[in-house]
């Protein structure tokens, strides 16, 4: 058989999701949160610790988290206990708490000399980027989960957004509270976001005695 009659060999392009876990990203468990905090504290990563803590507390989308300004969380020489921002995706306000540990890490970060003159809470390294990007935030998250032995492809920036509300729902079963905390306009969005199914509903129902 001549070379011209041989069947054409077409190289197979590697699938973009080969070897990756796709679908909805997992929330971090409480033990994971504490493990990452301890590692960041030991490493003296002041910014990363403040960013991680606020990501858990705020339950914000990555695009909103990276755009936070110092004035959003800091006033009159102290970190606010509660604050609110306008969500970029929905243009609706959402309010969130800032716990004591997060306030402490934020105060330490904001008071560093490197933060003098910056209006954004997470300033970028380049003049044309006033704050870090969501891609940079995602890379940081990958480093955090890898540092405690987790599979990075199973977690994403939405893992941070879901971490605290997943625990709230698990402990209370209060979907309305979760909806308000996430800033969702429709309950259906909250149900899908948490992955609530019939088994969850039945478990909640079984825990209530009449």
Protein backbone atom coordinates (compact mmCIF):
# COMPACT_ATOMS: atom_id res chain seq x y z
CA UNK A 1 0.00 0.00 0.00
CA UNK A 2 1.42 3.35 -1.02
CA UNK A 3 1.79 6.14 1.47
CA UNK A 4 -0.94 8.13 -0.31
CA UNK A 5 -3.48 5.34 0.39
CA UNK A 6 -2.82 5.12 4.11
CA UNK A 7 -5.64 6.37 6.36
CA UNK A 8 -5.15 9.86 7.70
CA UNK A 9 -4.12 10.00 11.33
CA UNK A 10 -5.85 12.88 13.11
CA UNK A 11 -4.30 13.83 16.45
CA UNK A 12 -6.81 13.77 19.27
CA UNK A 13 -6.92 17.05 21.17
CA UNK A 14 -6.65 16.63 24.92
CA UNK A 15 -10.00 17.34 26.58
CA UNK A 16 -9.96 20.54 28.68
CA UNK A 17 -11.50 18.69 31.63
CA UNK A 18 -9.35 15.57 31.50
CA UNK A 19 -8.22 14.69 35.01
CA UNK A 20 -10.31 17.48 36.54
CA UNK A 21 -13.31 17.33 38.82
CA UNK A 22 -16.05 19.35 37.16
CA UNK A 23 -19.45 20.51 38.36
CA UNK A 24 -20.42 22.43 41.48
CA UNK A 25 -17.45 23.09 43.75
CA UNK A 26 -17.42 21.77 47.30
CA UNK A 27 -17.65 24.08 50.30
CA UNK A 28 -14.80 23.82 52.78
CA UNK A 29 -15.46 21.94 56.00
CA UNK A 30 -14.81 23.64 59.39
CA UNK A 31 -11.69 21.50 59.87
CA UNK A 32 -10.37 22.70 56.50
CA UNK A 33 -11.01 26.34 57.41
CA UNK A 34 -9.06 26.02 60.65
CA UNK A 35 -6.23 24.08 58.99
CA UNK A 36 -5.76 26.78 56.34
CA UNK A 37 -5.91 29.55 58.96
CA UNK A 38 -3.23 27.89 61.06
CA UNK A 39 -0.92 27.47 58.05
CA UNK A 40 -1.36 31.10 56.99
CA UNK A 41 -0.72 32.31 60.54
CA UNK A 42 2.44 30.21 60.85
CA UNK A 43 3.64 31.47 57.46
CA UNK A 44 3.03 35.09 58.49
CA UNK A 45 0.90 35.63 55.38
CA UNK A 46 -0.94 38.70 56.70
CA UNK A 47 -2.76 39.60 53.48
CA UNK A 48 -3.74 36.04 52.62
CA UNK A 49 -5.07 35.40 56.12
CA UNK A 50 -7.18 38.57 56.01
CA UNK A 51 -8.44 37.69 52.52
CA UNK A 52 -9.27 34.11 53.48
CA UNK A 53 -11.10 35.13 56.66
CA UNK A 54 -13.13 37.81 54.93
CA UNK A 55 -13.99 35.48 52.04
CA UNK A 56 -15.52 33.04 54.54
CA UNK A 57 -17.37 35.72 56.51
CA UNK A 58 -18.64 37.82 53.63
CA UNK A 59 -19.93 35.00 51.42
CA UNK A 60 -19.28 37.30 48.44
CA UNK A 61 -18.69 36.33 44.85
CA UNK A 62 -15.04 36.57 43.88
CA UNK A 63 -15.68 39.59 41.63
CA UNK A 64 -17.14 41.52 44.58
CA UNK A 65 -14.57 40.34 47.11
CA UNK A 66 -11.56 41.54 45.08
CA UNK A 67 -13.19 44.97 44.53
CA UNK A 68 -13.74 45.72 48.21
CA UNK A 69 -12.35 49.03 49.39
CA UNK A 70 -10.78 49.84 52.74
CA UNK A 71 -13.70 52.18 53.46
CA UNK A 72 -16.12 49.25 53.09
CA UNK A 73 -14.74 47.57 56.20
CA UNK A 74 -12.81 50.27 58.08
CA UNK A 75 -14.03 53.51 59.66
CA UNK A 76 -13.03 55.75 62.57
CA UNK A 77 -9.89 53.72 63.23
CA UNK A 78 -11.71 50.40 63.65
CA UNK A 79 -12.96 47.49 61.57
CA UNK A 80 -16.74 47.44 61.22
CA UNK A 81 -18.67 44.57 62.79
CA UNK A 82 -21.17 44.63 59.92
CA UNK A 83 -21.12 46.20 56.50
CA UNK A 84 -22.95 46.09 53.18
CA UNK A 85 -21.98 46.42 49.53
CA UNK A 86 -23.74 46.57 46.18
CA UNK A 87 -23.35 43.30 44.27
CA UNK A 88 -21.96 43.79 40.77
CA UNK A 89 -23.93 40.88 39.27
CA UNK A 90 -27.40 41.80 40.56
CA UNK A 91 -26.96 45.48 41.54
CA UNK A 92 -28.66 44.67 44.84
CA UNK A 93 -27.16 45.33 48.28
CA UNK A 94 -26.01 42.50 50.52
CA UNK A 95 -25.05 42.78 54.18
CA UNK A 96 -22.57 40.61 56.04
CA UNK A 97 -20.91 40.27 59.42
CA UNK A 98 -17.20 40.55 60.16
CA UNK A 99 -16.31 38.26 63.04
CA UNK A 100 -13.75 39.06 65.71
CA UNK A 101 -10.96 36.92 64.24
CA UNK A 102 -11.50 38.44 60.80
CA UNK A 103 -11.52 41.98 62.24
CA UNK A 104 -8.18 41.28 63.91
CA UNK A 105 -6.55 39.99 60.71
CA UNK A 106 -8.00 42.87 58.65
CA UNK A 107 -6.75 45.47 61.12
CA UNK A 108 -3.25 43.96 60.99
CA UNK A 109 -3.30 44.04 57.17
CA UNK A 110 -4.69 47.56 56.80
CA UNK A 111 -2.20 48.99 59.29
CA UNK A 112 0.84 47.68 57.41
CA UNK A 113 3.03 50.38 55.79
CA UNK A 114 2.49 48.69 52.41
CA UNK A 115 -1.19 49.64 52.56
CA UNK A 116 -0.60 53.39 52.96
CA UNK A 117 -2.29 55.31 50.15
CA UNK A 118 -4.32 52.36 48.83
CA UNK A 119 -8.08 52.68 48.61
CA UNK A 120 -8.69 49.04 47.59
CA UNK A 121 -8.47 46.40 50.27
CA UNK A 122 -6.48 44.00 48.07
CA UNK A 123 -4.31 46.25 45.87
CA UNK A 124 -2.74 44.90 42.71
CA UNK A 125 1.01 44.84 42.11
CA UNK A 126 0.82 46.81 38.88
CA UNK A 127 -0.24 50.43 38.32
CA UNK A 128 -2.85 49.48 35.72
CA UNK A 129 -4.53 47.07 38.16
CA UNK A 130 -5.94 48.83 41.22
CA UNK A 131 -6.86 45.52 42.87
CA UNK A 132 -6.11 41.81 42.47
CA UNK A 133 -8.11 39.95 39.83
CA UNK A 134 -10.54 37.09 40.37
CA UNK A 135 -8.00 34.88 38.59
CA UNK A 136 -5.35 35.82 41.16
CA UNK A 137 -7.83 35.09 43.92
CA UNK A 138 -8.54 31.68 42.38
CA UNK A 139 -4.80 30.92 42.25
CA UNK A 140 -4.46 31.81 45.92
CA UNK A 141 -7.35 29.53 46.79
CA UNK A 142 -5.68 26.70 44.88
CA UNK A 143 -2.53 27.20 46.96
CA UNK A 144 -4.54 27.24 50.20
CA UNK A 145 -6.38 23.98 49.56
CA UNK A 146 -3.25 22.27 48.25
CA UNK A 147 -1.37 23.25 51.41
CA UNK A 148 -3.69 21.05 53.48
CA UNK A 149 -3.72 18.13 51.06
CA UNK A 150 -7.03 18.73 49.27
CA UNK A 151 -7.61 18.18 45.55
CA UNK A 152 -7.59 21.72 44.07
CA UNK A 153 -9.87 20.88 41.13
CA UNK A 154 -12.67 20.07 43.61
CA UNK A 155 -12.65 23.62 44.99
CA UNK A 156 -13.10 27.07 43.47
CA UNK A 157 -13.90 30.62 44.49
CA UNK A 158 -17.54 29.63 44.95
CA UNK A 159 -16.35 27.14 47.58
CA UNK A 160 -15.52 30.12 49.77
CA UNK A 161 -18.92 31.68 49.09
CA UNK A 162 -20.69 28.45 50.04
CA UNK A 163 -18.57 27.48 53.05
CA UNK A 164 -20.36 29.36 55.81
CA UNK A 165 -23.90 29.17 54.39
CA UNK A 166 -23.56 25.39 53.98
CA UNK A 167 -22.94 25.12 57.72
CA UNK A 168 -25.78 27.53 58.50
CA UNK A 169 -28.19 25.46 56.42
CA UNK A 170 -26.90 22.20 57.91
CA UNK A 171 -27.46 23.45 61.45
CA UNK A 172 -30.73 25.36 60.97
CA UNK A 173 -32.36 24.27 57.73
CA UNK A 174 -33.30 27.93 57.24
CA UNK A 175 -33.25 28.55 53.50
CA UNK A 176 -34.62 32.09 53.84
CA UNK A 177 -31.68 33.10 56.04
CA UNK A 178 -29.24 31.64 53.51
CA UNK A 179 -31.02 33.44 50.68
CA UNK A 180 -30.61 36.79 52.45
CA UNK A 181 -26.97 36.15 53.30
CA UNK A 182 -26.12 35.25 49.70
CA UNK A 183 -28.13 38.17 48.30
CA UNK A 184 -30.21 35.94 46.04
CA UNK A 185 -33.40 37.46 44.68
CA UNK A 186 -35.08 34.08 44.13
CA UNK A 187 -35.35 31.13 46.51
CA UNK A 188 -34.88 28.75 43.57
CA UNK A 189 -31.37 30.12 43.11
CA UNK A 190 -30.56 29.39 46.76
CA UNK A 191 -31.95 25.86 46.52
CA UNK A 192 -29.84 25.11 43.45
CA UNK A 193 -26.78 26.78 44.94
CA UNK A 194 -26.88 24.66 48.08
CA UNK A 195 -27.78 21.52 46.16
CA UNK A 196 -30.86 20.99 48.33
CA UNK A 197 -32.77 17.85 47.37
CA UNK A 198 -35.72 15.81 48.65
CA UNK A 199 -33.53 13.90 51.11
CA UNK A 200 -32.50 17.18 52.76
CA UNK A 201 -36.13 18.30 53.00
CA UNK A 202 -37.17 14.95 54.52
CA UNK A 203 -34.33 15.04 57.05
CA UNK A 204 -35.42 18.49 58.22
CA UNK A 205 -39.03 17.36 58.41
CA UNK A 206 -38.10 14.28 60.44
CA UNK A 207 -36.25 16.41 62.98
CA UNK A 208 -39.41 18.37 63.79
CA UNK A 209 -41.85 16.70 66.16
CA UNK A 210 -45.49 17.77 66.39
